[in-house]
């Protein structure tokens, strides 16, 4: 496997893990599994960081998968596969949904 394939696999792993970390941070705070980490400045900063970064990384992953699928289809002279761009779209929608859910749970 070439270096580009390894980089894309690493990027996929990060893009999938970020929304899951956001969900785990929320569930850990809800059931007090974080031992008060969510009440500290660092916990709030982590939540904001994941809240902003997850959709941006997932959107860039979606664009990278679309570009990679188009290049692969042109190189092999066949139809474009929508499997990985579809997965990237599903993870992006999950990230946005989790963000909307967290915003709905925010207390002023």
PDB file of N, CA and C in Angstrom:
ATOM      1  N   UNK A   1       0.847  -1.169   0.000  1.00  0.00           N
ATOM      2  CA  UNK A   1       0.000   0.000   0.000  1.00  0.00           C
ATOM      3  C   UNK A   1       0.895   1.235   0.000  1.00  0.00           C
ATOM      4  N   UNK A   2       0.514   2.230  -0.772  1.00  0.00           N
ATOM      5  CA  UNK A   2       1.324   3.441  -0.854  1.00  0.00           C
ATOM      6  C   UNK A   2       1.045   4.374   0.319  1.00  0.00           C
ATOM      7  N   UNK A   3       1.829   5.429   0.397  1.00  0.00           N
ATOM      8  CA  UNK A   3       1.729   6.361   1.525  1.00  0.00           C
ATOM      9  C   UNK A   3       0.401   7.098   1.526  1.00  0.00           C
ATOM     10  N   UNK A   4      -0.161   7.357   0.354  1.00  0.00           N
ATOM     11  CA  UNK A   4      -1.449   8.054   0.282  1.00  0.00           C
ATOM     12  C   UNK A   4      -2.560   7.201   0.874  1.00  0.00           C
ATOM     13  N   UNK A   5      -2.524   5.909   0.615  1.00  0.00           N
ATOM     14  CA  UNK A   5      -3.531   5.010   1.169  1.00  0.00           C
ATOM     15  C   UNK A   5      -3.457   4.918   2.686  1.00  0.00           C
ATOM     16  N   UNK A   6      -2.248   4.919   3.214  1.00  0.00           N
ATOM     17  CA  UNK A   6      -2.062   4.867   4.665  1.00  0.00           C
ATOM     18  C   UNK A   6      -2.566   6.156   5.297  1.00  0.00           C
ATOM     19  N   UNK A   7      -2.280   7.290   4.673  1.00  0.00           N
ATOM     20  CA  UNK A   7      -2.739   8.577   5.189  1.00  0.00           C
ATOM     21  C   UNK A   7      -4.262   8.662   5.171  1.00  0.00           C
ATOM     22  N   UNK A   8      -4.868   8.152   4.103  1.00  0.00           N
ATOM     23  CA  UNK A   8      -6.325   8.192   4.017  1.00  0.00           C
ATOM     24  C   UNK A   8      -6.957   7.273   5.059  1.00  0.00           C
ATOM     25  N   UNK A   9      -6.356   6.120   5.329  1.00  0.00           N
ATOM     26  CA  UNK A   9      -6.874   5.233   6.370  1.00  0.00           C
ATOM     27  C   UNK A   9      -6.768   5.866   7.753  1.00  0.00           C
ATOM     28  N   UNK A  10      -5.665   6.547   8.013  1.00  0.00           N
ATOM     29  CA  UNK A  10      -5.495   7.246   9.284  1.00  0.00           C
ATOM     30  C   UNK A  10      -6.512   8.382   9.402  1.00  0.00           C
ATOM     31  N   UNK A  11      -6.729   9.107   8.318  1.00  0.00           N
ATOM     32  CA  UNK A  11      -7.706  10.192   8.311  1.00  0.00           C
ATOM     33  C   UNK A  11      -9.113   9.652   8.529  1.00  0.00           C
ATOM     34  N   UNK A  12      -9.426   8.508   7.926  1.00  0.00           N
ATOM     35  CA  UNK A  12     -10.737   7.868   8.135  1.00  0.00           C
ATOM     36  C   UNK A  12     -10.931   7.508   9.609  1.00  0.00           C
ATOM     37  N   UNK A  13      -9.890   6.942  10.215  1.00  0.00           N
ATOM     38  CA  UNK A  13      -9.980   6.539  11.618  1.00  0.00           C
ATOM     39  C   UNK A  13     -10.219   7.740  12.519  1.00  0.00           C
ATOM     40  N   UNK A  14      -9.497   8.815  12.272  1.00  0.00           N
ATOM     41  CA  UNK A  14      -9.676  10.028  13.083  1.00  0.00           C
ATOM     42  C   UNK A  14     -11.063  10.611  12.869  1.00  0.00           C
ATOM     43  N   UNK A  15     -11.513  10.655  11.624  1.00  0.00           N
ATOM     44  CA  UNK A  15     -12.815  11.241  11.320  1.00  0.00           C
ATOM     45  C   UNK A  15     -13.961  10.434  11.925  1.00  0.00           C
ATOM     46  N   UNK A  16     -13.805   9.140  12.023  1.00  0.00           N
ATOM     47  CA  UNK A  16     -14.838   8.309  12.637  1.00  0.00           C
ATOM     48  C   UNK A  16     -14.770   8.397  14.157  1.00  0.00           C
ATOM     49  N   UNK A  17     -13.576   8.532  14.714  1.00  0.00           N
ATOM     50  CA  UNK A  17     -13.413   8.532  16.170  1.00  0.00           C
ATOM     51  C   UNK A  17     -13.853   9.838  16.833  1.00  0.00           C
ATOM     52  N   UNK A  18     -13.751  10.963  16.139  1.00  0.00           N
ATOM     53  CA  UNK A  18     -14.093  12.243  16.763  1.00  0.00           C
ATOM     54  C   UNK A  18     -15.554  12.336  17.198  1.00  0.00           C
ATOM     55  N   UNK A  19     -16.539  11.996  16.354  1.00  0.00           N
ATOM     56  CA  UNK A  19     -17.924  12.045  16.849  1.00  0.00           C
ATOM     57  C   UNK A  19     -18.194  11.039  17.963  1.00  0.00           C
ATOM     58  N   UNK A  20     -17.512   9.895  17.910  1.00  0.00           N
ATOM     59  CA  UNK A  20     -17.697   8.901  18.970  1.00  0.00           C
ATOM     60  C   UNK A  20     -17.147   9.427  20.290  1.00  0.00           C
ATOM     61  N   UNK A  21     -16.039  10.146  20.240  1.00  0.00           N
ATOM     62  CA  UNK A  21     -15.479  10.744  21.455  1.00  0.00           C
ATOM     63  C   UNK A  21     -16.427  11.790  22.026  1.00  0.00           C
ATOM     64  N   UNK A  22     -17.088  12.522  21.158  1.00  0.00           N
ATOM     65  CA  UNK A  22     -18.061  13.513  21.609  1.00  0.00           C
ATOM     66  C   UNK A  22     -19.242  12.838  22.308  1.00  0.00           C
ATOM     67  N   UNK A  23     -19.704  11.736  21.763  1.00  0.00           N
ATOM     68  CA  UNK A  23     -20.800  10.985  22.394  1.00  0.00           C
ATOM     69  C   UNK A  23     -20.341  10.407  23.735  1.00  0.00           C
ATOM     70  N   UNK A  24     -19.146   9.838  23.759  1.00  0.00           N
ATOM     71  CA  UNK A  24     -18.630   9.268  25.007  1.00  0.00           C
ATOM     72  C   UNK A  24     -18.418  10.339  26.077  1.00  0.00           C
ATOM     73  N   UNK A  25     -17.988  11.523  25.677  1.00  0.00           N
ATOM     74  CA  UNK A  25     -17.820  12.611  26.637  1.00  0.00           C
ATOM     75  C   UNK A  25     -19.166  13.026  27.219  1.00  0.00           C
ATOM     76  N   UNK A  26     -20.181  13.076  26.378  1.00  0.00           N
ATOM     77  CA  UNK A  26     -21.520  13.422  26.858  1.00  0.00           C
ATOM     78  C   UNK A  26     -22.092  12.345  27.774  1.00  0.00           C
ATOM     79  N   UNK A  27     -21.975  11.086  27.372  1.00  0.00           N
ATOM     80  CA  UNK A  27     -22.498  10.000  28.209  1.00  0.00           C
ATOM     81  C   UNK A  27     -21.713   9.861  29.508  1.00  0.00           C
ATOM     82  N   UNK A  28     -20.412  10.049  29.437  1.00  0.00           N
ATOM     83  CA  UNK A  28     -19.601   9.992  30.645  1.00  0.00           C
ATOM     84  C   UNK A  28     -19.952  11.092  31.631  1.00  0.00           C
ATOM     85  N   UNK A  29     -20.270  12.267  31.105  1.00  0.00           N
ATOM     86  CA  UNK A  29     -20.672  13.374  31.978  1.00  0.00           C
ATOM     87  C   UNK A  29     -22.069  13.137  32.551  1.00  0.00           C
ATOM     88  N   UNK A  30     -22.941  12.577  31.744  1.00  0.00           N
ATOM     89  CA  UNK A  30     -24.318  12.354  32.195  1.00  0.00           C
ATOM     90  C   UNK A  30     -24.387  11.333  33.320  1.00  0.00           C
ATOM     91  N   UNK A  31     -23.601  10.279  33.243  1.00  0.00           N
ATOM     92  CA  UNK A  31     -23.627   9.233  34.262  1.00  0.00           C
ATOM     93  C   UNK A  31     -22.487   9.367  35.271  1.00  0.00           C
ATOM     94  N   UNK A  32     -21.821  10.498  35.263  1.00  0.00           N
ATOM     95  CA  UNK A  32     -20.738  10.825  36.184  1.00  0.00           C
ATOM     96  C   UNK A  32     -19.635   9.758  36.169  1.00  0.00           C
ATOM     97  N   UNK A  33     -19.256   9.341  34.979  1.00  0.00           N
ATOM     98  CA  UNK A  33     -18.174   8.377  34.824  1.00  0.00           C
ATOM     99  C   UNK A  33     -16.822   9.060  34.645  1.00  0.00           C
ATOM    100  N   UNK A  34     -16.837  10.385  34.537  1.00  0.00           N
ATOM    101  CA  UNK A  34     -15.607  11.127  34.295  1.00  0.00           C
ATOM    102  C   UNK A  34     -15.031  11.724  35.573  1.00  0.00           C
ATOM    103  N   UNK A  35     -15.659  11.450  36.701  1.00  0.00           N
ATOM    104  CA  UNK A  35     -15.199  11.908  38.011  1.00  0.00           C
ATOM    105  C   UNK A  35     -15.032  13.427  38.070  1.00  0.00           C
ATOM    106  N   UNK A  36     -15.984  14.149  37.490  1.00  0.00           N
ATOM    107  CA  UNK A  36     -15.986  15.604  37.557  1.00  0.00           C
ATOM    108  C   UNK A  36     -15.174  16.298  36.489  1.00  0.00           C
ATOM    109  N   UNK A  37     -14.609  15.549  35.541  1.00  0.00           N
ATOM    110  CA  UNK A  37     -13.823  16.165  34.472  1.00  0.00           C
ATOM    111  C   UNK A  37     -14.655  17.141  33.649  1.00  0.00           C
ATOM    112  N   UNK A  38     -15.927  16.827  33.467  1.00  0.00           N
ATOM    113  CA  UNK A  38     -16.787  17.684  32.663  1.00  0.00           C
ATOM    114  C   UNK A  38     -17.051  19.030  33.333  1.00  0.00           C
ATOM    115  N   UNK A  39     -16.817  19.156  34.623  1.00  0.00           N
ATOM    116  CA  UNK A  39     -17.067  20.411  35.332  1.00  0.00           C
ATOM    117  C   UNK A  39     -15.843  21.317  35.367  1.00  0.00           C
ATOM    118  N   UNK A  40     -14.728  20.866  34.840  1.00  0.00           N
ATOM    119  CA  UNK A  40     -13.505  21.668  34.848  1.00  0.00           C
ATOM    120  C   UNK A  40     -13.405  22.476  33.562  1.00  0.00           C
ATOM    121  N   UNK A  41     -12.479  23.429  33.564  1.00  0.00           N
ATOM    122  CA  UNK A  41     -12.241  24.222  32.360  1.00  0.00           C
ATOM    123  C   UNK A  41     -11.719  23.357  31.224  1.00  0.00           C
ATOM    124  N   UNK A  42     -10.893  22.403  31.557  1.00  0.00           N
ATOM    125  CA  UNK A  42     -10.336  21.510  30.544  1.00  0.00           C
ATOM    126  C   UNK A  42     -11.426  20.638  29.916  1.00  0.00           C
ATOM    127  N   UNK A  43     -12.371  20.192  30.718  1.00  0.00           N
ATOM    128  CA  UNK A  43     -13.482  19.394  30.208  1.00  0.00           C
ATOM    129  C   UNK A  43     -14.363  20.193  29.265  1.00  0.00           C
ATOM    130  N   UNK A  44     -14.655  21.435  29.629  1.00  0.00           N
ATOM    131  CA  UNK A  44     -15.471  22.282  28.767  1.00  0.00           C
ATOM    132  C   UNK A  44     -14.725  22.621  27.477  1.00  0.00           C
ATOM    133  N   UNK A  45     -13.417  22.848  27.583  1.00  0.00           N
ATOM    134  CA  UNK A  45     -12.616  23.114  26.394  1.00  0.00           C
ATOM    135  C   UNK A  45     -12.586  21.900  25.474  1.00  0.00           C
ATOM    136  N   UNK A  46     -12.479  20.716  26.049  1.00  0.00           N
ATOM    137  CA  UNK A  46     -12.500  19.486  25.247  1.00  0.00           C
ATOM    138  C   UNK A  46     -13.836  19.330  24.539  1.00  0.00           C
ATOM    139  N   UNK A  47     -14.911  19.620  25.237  1.00  0.00           N
ATOM    140  CA  UNK A  47     -16.238  19.531  24.634  1.00  0.00           C
ATOM    141  C   UNK A  47     -16.385  20.510  23.476  1.00  0.00           C
ATOM    142  N   UNK A  48     -15.965  21.742  23.662  1.00  0.00           N
ATOM    143  CA  UNK A  48     -16.041  22.731  22.586  1.00  0.00           C
ATOM    144  C   UNK A  48     -15.141  22.361  21.416  1.00  0.00           C
ATOM    145  N   UNK A  49     -13.947  21.871  21.727  1.00  0.00           N
ATOM    146  CA  UNK A  49     -13.013  21.454  20.685  1.00  0.00           C
ATOM    147  C   UNK A  49     -13.617  20.343  19.823  1.00  0.00           C
ATOM    148  N   UNK A  50     -14.170  19.335  20.459  1.00  0.00           N
ATOM    149  CA  UNK A  50     -14.789  18.237  19.712  1.00  0.00           C
ATOM    150  C   UNK A  50     -16.044  18.688  18.987  1.00  0.00           C
ATOM    151  N   UNK A  51     -16.801  19.582  19.599  1.00  0.00           N
ATOM    152  CA  UNK A  51     -18.037  20.088  19.006  1.00  0.00           C
ATOM    153  C   UNK A  51     -17.759  20.812  17.691  1.00  0.00           C
ATOM    154  N   UNK A  52     -16.677  21.570  17.640  1.00  0.00           N
ATOM    155  CA  UNK A  52     -16.337  22.330  16.432  1.00  0.00           C
ATOM    156  C   UNK A  52     -15.536  21.479  15.449  1.00  0.00           C
ATOM    157  N   UNK A  53     -14.601  20.707  15.948  1.00  0.00           N
ATOM    158  CA  UNK A  53     -13.679  19.986  15.082  1.00  0.00           C
ATOM    159  C   UNK A  53     -14.307  18.780  14.382  1.00  0.00           C
ATOM    160  N   UNK A  54     -15.195  18.073  15.045  1.00  0.00           N
ATOM    161  CA  UNK A  54     -15.751  16.842  14.472  1.00  0.00           C
ATOM    162  C   UNK A  54     -16.473  17.075  13.145  1.00  0.00           C
ATOM    163  N   UNK A  55     -17.409  18.034  13.051  1.00  0.00           N
ATOM    164  CA  UNK A  55     -18.052  18.242  11.740  1.00  0.00           C
ATOM    165  C   UNK A  55     -17.089  18.742  10.659  1.00  0.00           C
ATOM    166  N   UNK A  56     -16.105  19.549  11.036  1.00  0.00           N
ATOM    167  CA  UNK A  56     -15.153  20.047  10.044  1.00  0.00           C
ATOM    168  C   UNK A  56     -14.281  18.929   9.486  1.00  0.00           C
ATOM    169  N   UNK A  57     -13.809  18.061  10.358  1.00  0.00           N
ATOM    170  CA  UNK A  57     -12.985  16.937   9.908  1.00  0.00           C
ATOM    171  C   UNK A  57     -13.828  15.968   9.074  1.00  0.00           C
ATOM    172  N   UNK A  58     -15.070  15.735   9.482  1.00  0.00           N
ATOM    173  CA  UNK A  58     -15.928  14.826   8.728  1.00  0.00           C
ATOM    174  C   UNK A  58     -16.291  15.395   7.359  1.00  0.00           C
ATOM    175  N   UNK A  59     -16.473  16.698   7.277  1.00  0.00           N
ATOM    176  CA  UNK A  59     -16.744  17.320   5.980  1.00  0.00           C
ATOM    177  C   UNK A  59     -15.527  17.218   5.065  1.00  0.00           C
ATOM    178  N   UNK A  60     -14.349  17.441   5.604  1.00  0.00           N
ATOM    179  CA  UNK A  60     -13.145  17.308   4.779  1.00  0.00           C
ATOM    180  C   UNK A  60     -12.918  15.852   4.381  1.00  0.00           C
ATOM    181  N   UNK A  61     -13.284  14.906   5.243  1.00  0.00           N
ATOM    182  CA  UNK A  61     -13.180  13.490   4.884  1.00  0.00           C
ATOM    183  C   UNK A  61     -14.145  13.154   3.752  1.00  0.00           C
ATOM    184  N   UNK A  62     -15.349  13.700   3.805  1.00  0.00           N
ATOM    185  CA  UNK A  62     -16.317  13.472   2.728  1.00  0.00           C
ATOM    186  C   UNK A  62     -15.772  13.992   1.406  1.00  0.00           C
ATOM    187  N   UNK A  63     -15.209  15.182   1.405  1.00  0.00           N
ATOM    188  CA  UNK A  63     -14.644  15.736   0.179  1.00  0.00           C
ATOM    189  C   UNK A  63     -13.460  14.905  -0.319  1.00  0.00           C
ATOM    190  N   UNK A  64     -12.621  14.433   0.594  1.00  0.00           N
ATOM    191  CA  UNK A  64     -11.482  13.595   0.199  1.00  0.00           C
ATOM    192  C   UNK A  64     -11.949  12.268  -0.391  1.00  0.00           C
ATOM    193  N   UNK A  65     -12.991  11.683   0.185  1.00  0.00           N
ATOM    194  CA  UNK A  65     -13.507  10.412  -0.352  1.00  0.00           C
ATOM    195  C   UNK A  65     -14.143  10.598  -1.727  1.00  0.00           C
ATOM    196  N   UNK A  66     -14.819  11.705  -1.935  1.00  0.00           N
ATOM    197  CA  UNK A  66     -15.405  11.975  -3.252  1.00  0.00           C
ATOM    198  C   UNK A  66     -14.307  12.134  -4.294  1.00  0.00           C
ATOM    199  N   UNK A  67     -13.268  12.880  -3.964  1.00  0.00           N
ATOM    200  CA  UNK A  67     -12.154  13.077  -4.890  1.00  0.00           C
ATOM    201  C   UNK A  67     -11.448  11.752  -5.171  1.00  0.00           C
ATOM    202  N   UNK A  68     -11.225  10.953  -4.134  1.00  0.00           N
ATOM    203  CA  UNK A  68     -10.561   9.660  -4.323  1.00  0.00           C
ATOM    204  C   UNK A  68     -11.408   8.720  -5.170  1.00  0.00           C
ATOM    205  N   UNK A  69     -12.723   8.731  -4.977  1.00  0.00           N
ATOM    206  CA  UNK A  69     -13.595   7.858  -5.767  1.00  0.00           C
ATOM    207  C   UNK A  69     -13.621   8.287  -7.234  1.00  0.00           C
ATOM    208  N   UNK A  70     -13.615   9.582  -7.480  1.00  0.00           N
ATOM    209  CA  UNK A  70     -13.598  10.067  -8.868  1.00  0.00           C
ATOM    210  C   UNK A  70     -12.283   9.702  -9.545  1.00  0.00           C
ATOM    211  N   UNK A  71     -11.168   9.888  -8.834  1.00  0.00           N
ATOM    212  CA  UNK A  71      -9.861   9.535  -9.416  1.00  0.00           C
ATOM    213  C   UNK A  71      -9.756   8.050  -9.697  1.00  0.00           C
ATOM    214  N   UNK A  72     -10.255   7.229  -8.787  1.00  0.00           N
ATOM    215  CA  UNK A  72     -10.201   5.786  -8.987  1.00  0.00           C
ATOM    216  C   UNK A  72     -11.076   5.368 -10.166  1.00  0.00           C
ATOM    217  N   UNK A  73     -12.241   5.980 -10.305  1.00  0.00           N
ATOM    218  CA  UNK A  73     -13.122   5.649 -11.421  1.00  0.00           C
ATOM    219  C   UNK A  73     -12.508   6.052 -12.759  1.00  0.00           C
ATOM    220  N   UNK A  74     -11.846   7.194 -12.795  1.00  0.00           N
ATOM    221  CA  UNK A  74     -11.196   7.622 -14.037  1.00  0.00           C
ATOM    222  C   UNK A  74     -10.012   6.739 -14.381  1.00  0.00           C
ATOM    223  N   UNK A  75      -9.261   6.324 -13.361  1.00  0.00           N
ATOM    224  CA  UNK A  75      -8.072   5.510 -13.602  1.00  0.00           C
ATOM    225  C   UNK A  75      -8.439   4.126 -14.134  1.00  0.00           C
ATOM    226  N   UNK A  76      -9.523   3.555 -13.636  1.00  0.00           N
ATOM    227  CA  UNK A  76      -9.889   2.195 -14.036  1.00  0.00           C
ATOM    228  C   UNK A  76     -11.004   2.167 -15.069  1.00  0.00           C
ATOM    229  N   UNK A  77     -11.441   3.312 -15.552  1.00  0.00           N
ATOM    230  CA  UNK A  77     -12.455   3.430 -16.604  1.00  0.00           C
ATOM    231  C   UNK A  77     -13.722   2.638 -16.262  1.00  0.00           C
ATOM    232  N   UNK A  78     -14.247   2.904 -15.090  1.00  0.00           N
ATOM    233  CA  UNK A  78     -15.479   2.252 -14.674  1.00  0.00           C
ATOM    234  C   UNK A  78     -16.309   3.224 -13.855  1.00  0.00           C
ATOM    235  N   UNK A  79     -17.457   2.773 -13.387  1.00  0.00           N
ATOM    236  CA  UNK A  79     -18.346   3.625 -12.609  1.00  0.00           C
ATOM    237  C   UNK A  79     -17.789   3.945 -11.236  1.00  0.00           C
ATOM    238  N   UNK A  80     -18.277   5.026 -10.688  1.00  0.00           N
ATOM    239  CA  UNK A  80     -17.803   5.480  -9.381  1.00  0.00           C
ATOM    240  C   UNK A  80     -18.497   4.689  -8.269  1.00  0.00           C
ATOM    241  N   UNK A  81     -17.736   4.296  -7.269  1.00  0.00           N
ATOM    242  CA  UNK A  81     -18.290   3.603  -6.117  1.00  0.00           C
ATOM    243  C   UNK A  81     -18.717   4.631  -5.068  1.00  0.00           C
ATOM    244  N   UNK A  82     -19.899   4.436  -4.507  1.00  0.00           N
ATOM    245  CA  UNK A  82     -20.435   5.372  -3.526  1.00  0.00           C
ATOM    246  C   UNK A  82     -20.373   4.817  -2.101  1.00  0.00           C
ATOM    247  N   UNK A  83     -19.633   3.743  -1.876  1.00  0.00           N
ATOM    248  CA  UNK A  83     -19.586   3.118  -0.557  1.00  0.00           C
ATOM    249  C   UNK A  83     -18.876   4.018   0.461  1.00  0.00           C
ATOM    250  N   UNK A  84     -17.640   4.388   0.186  1.00  0.00           N
ATOM    251  CA  UNK A  84     -16.889   5.203   1.144  1.00  0.00           C
ATOM    252  C   UNK A  84     -17.411   6.634   1.240  1.00  0.00           C
ATOM    253  N   UNK A  85     -17.784   7.290   0.113  1.00  0.00           N
ATOM    254  CA  UNK A  85     -18.424   8.603   0.276  1.00  0.00           C
ATOM    255  C   UNK A  85     -19.745   8.517   1.046  1.00  0.00           C
ATOM    256  N   UNK A  86     -20.462   7.425   0.890  1.00  0.00           N
ATOM    257  CA  UNK A  86     -21.706   7.236   1.652  1.00  0.00           C
ATOM    258  C   UNK A  86     -21.435   7.072   3.136  1.00  0.00           C
ATOM    259  N   UNK A  87     -20.386   6.331   3.478  1.00  0.00           N
ATOM    260  CA  UNK A  87     -19.999   6.184   4.882  1.00  0.00           C
ATOM    261  C   UNK A  87     -19.564   7.525   5.462  1.00  0.00           C
ATOM    262  N   UNK A  88     -18.808   8.278   4.677  1.00  0.00           N
ATOM    263  CA  UNK A  88     -18.363   9.594   5.139  1.00  0.00           C
ATOM    264  C   UNK A  88     -19.560  10.529   5.342  1.00  0.00           C
ATOM    265  N   UNK A  89     -20.543  10.452   4.467  1.00  0.00           N
ATOM    266  CA  UNK A  89     -21.750  11.270   4.626  1.00  0.00           C
ATOM    267  C   UNK A  89     -22.527  10.857   5.869  1.00  0.00           C
ATOM    268  N   UNK A  90     -22.610   9.565   6.124  1.00  0.00           N
ATOM    269  CA  UNK A  90     -23.328   9.087   7.314  1.00  0.00           C
ATOM    270  C   UNK A  90     -22.635   9.551   8.599  1.00  0.00           C
ATOM    271  N   UNK A  91     -21.313   9.518   8.622  1.00  0.00           N
ATOM    272  CA  UNK A  91     -20.580   9.970   9.809  1.00  0.00           C
ATOM    273  C   UNK A  91     -20.722  11.484   9.974  1.00  0.00           C
ATOM    274  N   UNK A  92     -20.735  12.216   8.861  1.00  0.00           N
ATOM    275  CA  UNK A  92     -20.945  13.663   8.937  1.00  0.00           C
ATOM    276  C   UNK A  92     -22.325  13.977   9.493  1.00  0.00           C
ATOM    277  N   UNK A  93     -23.335  13.279   9.027  1.00  0.00           N
ATOM    278  CA  UNK A  93     -24.688  13.494   9.541  1.00  0.00           C
ATOM    279  C   UNK A  93     -24.781  13.121  11.023  1.00  0.00           C
ATOM    280  N   UNK A  94     -24.073  12.065  11.416  1.00  0.00           N
ATOM    281  CA  UNK A  94     -24.045  11.704  12.834  1.00  0.00           C
ATOM    282  C   UNK A  94     -23.396  12.807  13.664  1.00  0.00           C
ATOM    283  N   UNK A  95     -22.316  13.350  13.165  1.00  0.00           N
ATOM    284  CA  UNK A  95     -21.619  14.407  13.882  1.00  0.00           C
ATOM    285  C   UNK A  95     -22.495  15.648  14.044  1.00  0.00           C
ATOM    286  N   UNK A  96     -23.202  16.008  12.999  1.00  0.00           N
ATOM    287  CA  UNK A  96     -24.104  17.163  13.070  1.00  0.00           C
ATOM    288  C   UNK A  96     -25.263  16.873  14.022  1.00  0.00           C
ATOM    289  N   UNK A  97     -25.802  15.664  13.974  1.00  0.00           N
ATOM    290  CA  UNK A  97     -26.912  15.299  14.861  1.00  0.00           C
ATOM    291  C   UNK A  97     -26.484  15.318  16.327  1.00  0.00           C
ATOM    292  N   UNK A  98     -25.291  14.825  16.613  1.00  0.00           N
ATOM    293  CA  UNK A  98     -24.793  14.852  17.990  1.00  0.00           C
ATOM    294  C   UNK A  98     -24.590  16.294  18.444  1.00  0.00           C
ATOM    295  N   UNK A  99     -24.082  17.138  17.553  1.00  0.00           N
ATOM    296  CA  UNK A  99     -23.910  18.545  17.889  1.00  0.00           C
ATOM    297  C   UNK A  99     -25.231  19.234  18.180  1.00  0.00           C
ATOM    298  N   UNK A 100     -26.247  18.951  17.379  1.00  0.00           N
ATOM    299  CA  UNK A 100     -27.572  19.529  17.620  1.00  0.00           C
ATOM    300  C   UNK A 100     -28.149  19.009  18.931  1.00  0.00           C
ATOM    301  N   UNK A 101     -27.947  17.728  19.208  1.00  0.00           N
ATOM    302  CA  UNK A 101     -28.423  17.165  20.466  1.00  0.00           C
ATOM    303  C   UNK A 101     -27.753  17.835  21.667  1.00  0.00           C
ATOM    304  N   UNK A 102     -26.442  18.026  21.576  1.00  0.00           N
ATOM    305  CA  UNK A 102     -25.724  18.675  22.679  1.00  0.00           C
ATOM    306  C   UNK A 102     -26.176  20.125  22.866  1.00  0.00           C
ATOM    307  N   UNK A 103     -26.441  20.803  21.758  1.00  0.00           N
ATOM    308  CA  UNK A 103     -26.945  22.176  21.872  1.00  0.00           C
ATOM    309  C   UNK A 103     -28.316  22.210  22.515  1.00  0.00           C
ATOM    310  N   UNK A 104     -29.135  21.211  22.226  1.00  0.00           N
ATOM    311  CA  UNK A 104     -30.482  21.173  22.830  1.00  0.00           C
ATOM    312  C   UNK A 104     -30.415  20.870  24.329  1.00  0.00           C
ATOM    313  N   UNK A 105     -29.347  20.226  24.792  1.00  0.00           N
ATOM    314  CA  UNK A 105     -29.209  19.898  26.201  1.00  0.00           C
ATOM    315  C   UNK A 105     -28.494  20.979  27.006  1.00  0.00           C
ATOM    316  N   UNK A 106     -27.973  22.003  26.311  1.00  0.00           N
ATOM    317  CA  UNK A 106     -27.223  23.059  27.004  1.00  0.00           C
ATOM    318  C   UNK A 106     -28.158  23.884  27.872  1.00  0.00           C
ATOM    319  N   UNK A 107     -27.708  24.144  29.063  1.00  0.00           N
ATOM    320  CA  UNK A 107     -28.485  24.963  29.996  1.00  0.00           C
ATOM    321  C   UNK A 107     -27.857  26.345  30.067  1.00  0.00           C
ATOM    322  N   UNK A 108     -28.671  27.317  29.984  1.00  0.00           N
ATOM    323  CA  UNK A 108     -28.173  28.699  30.040  1.00  0.00           C
ATOM    324  C   UNK A 108     -27.930  29.122  31.466  1.00  0.00           C
TER     325      UNK A 108
END
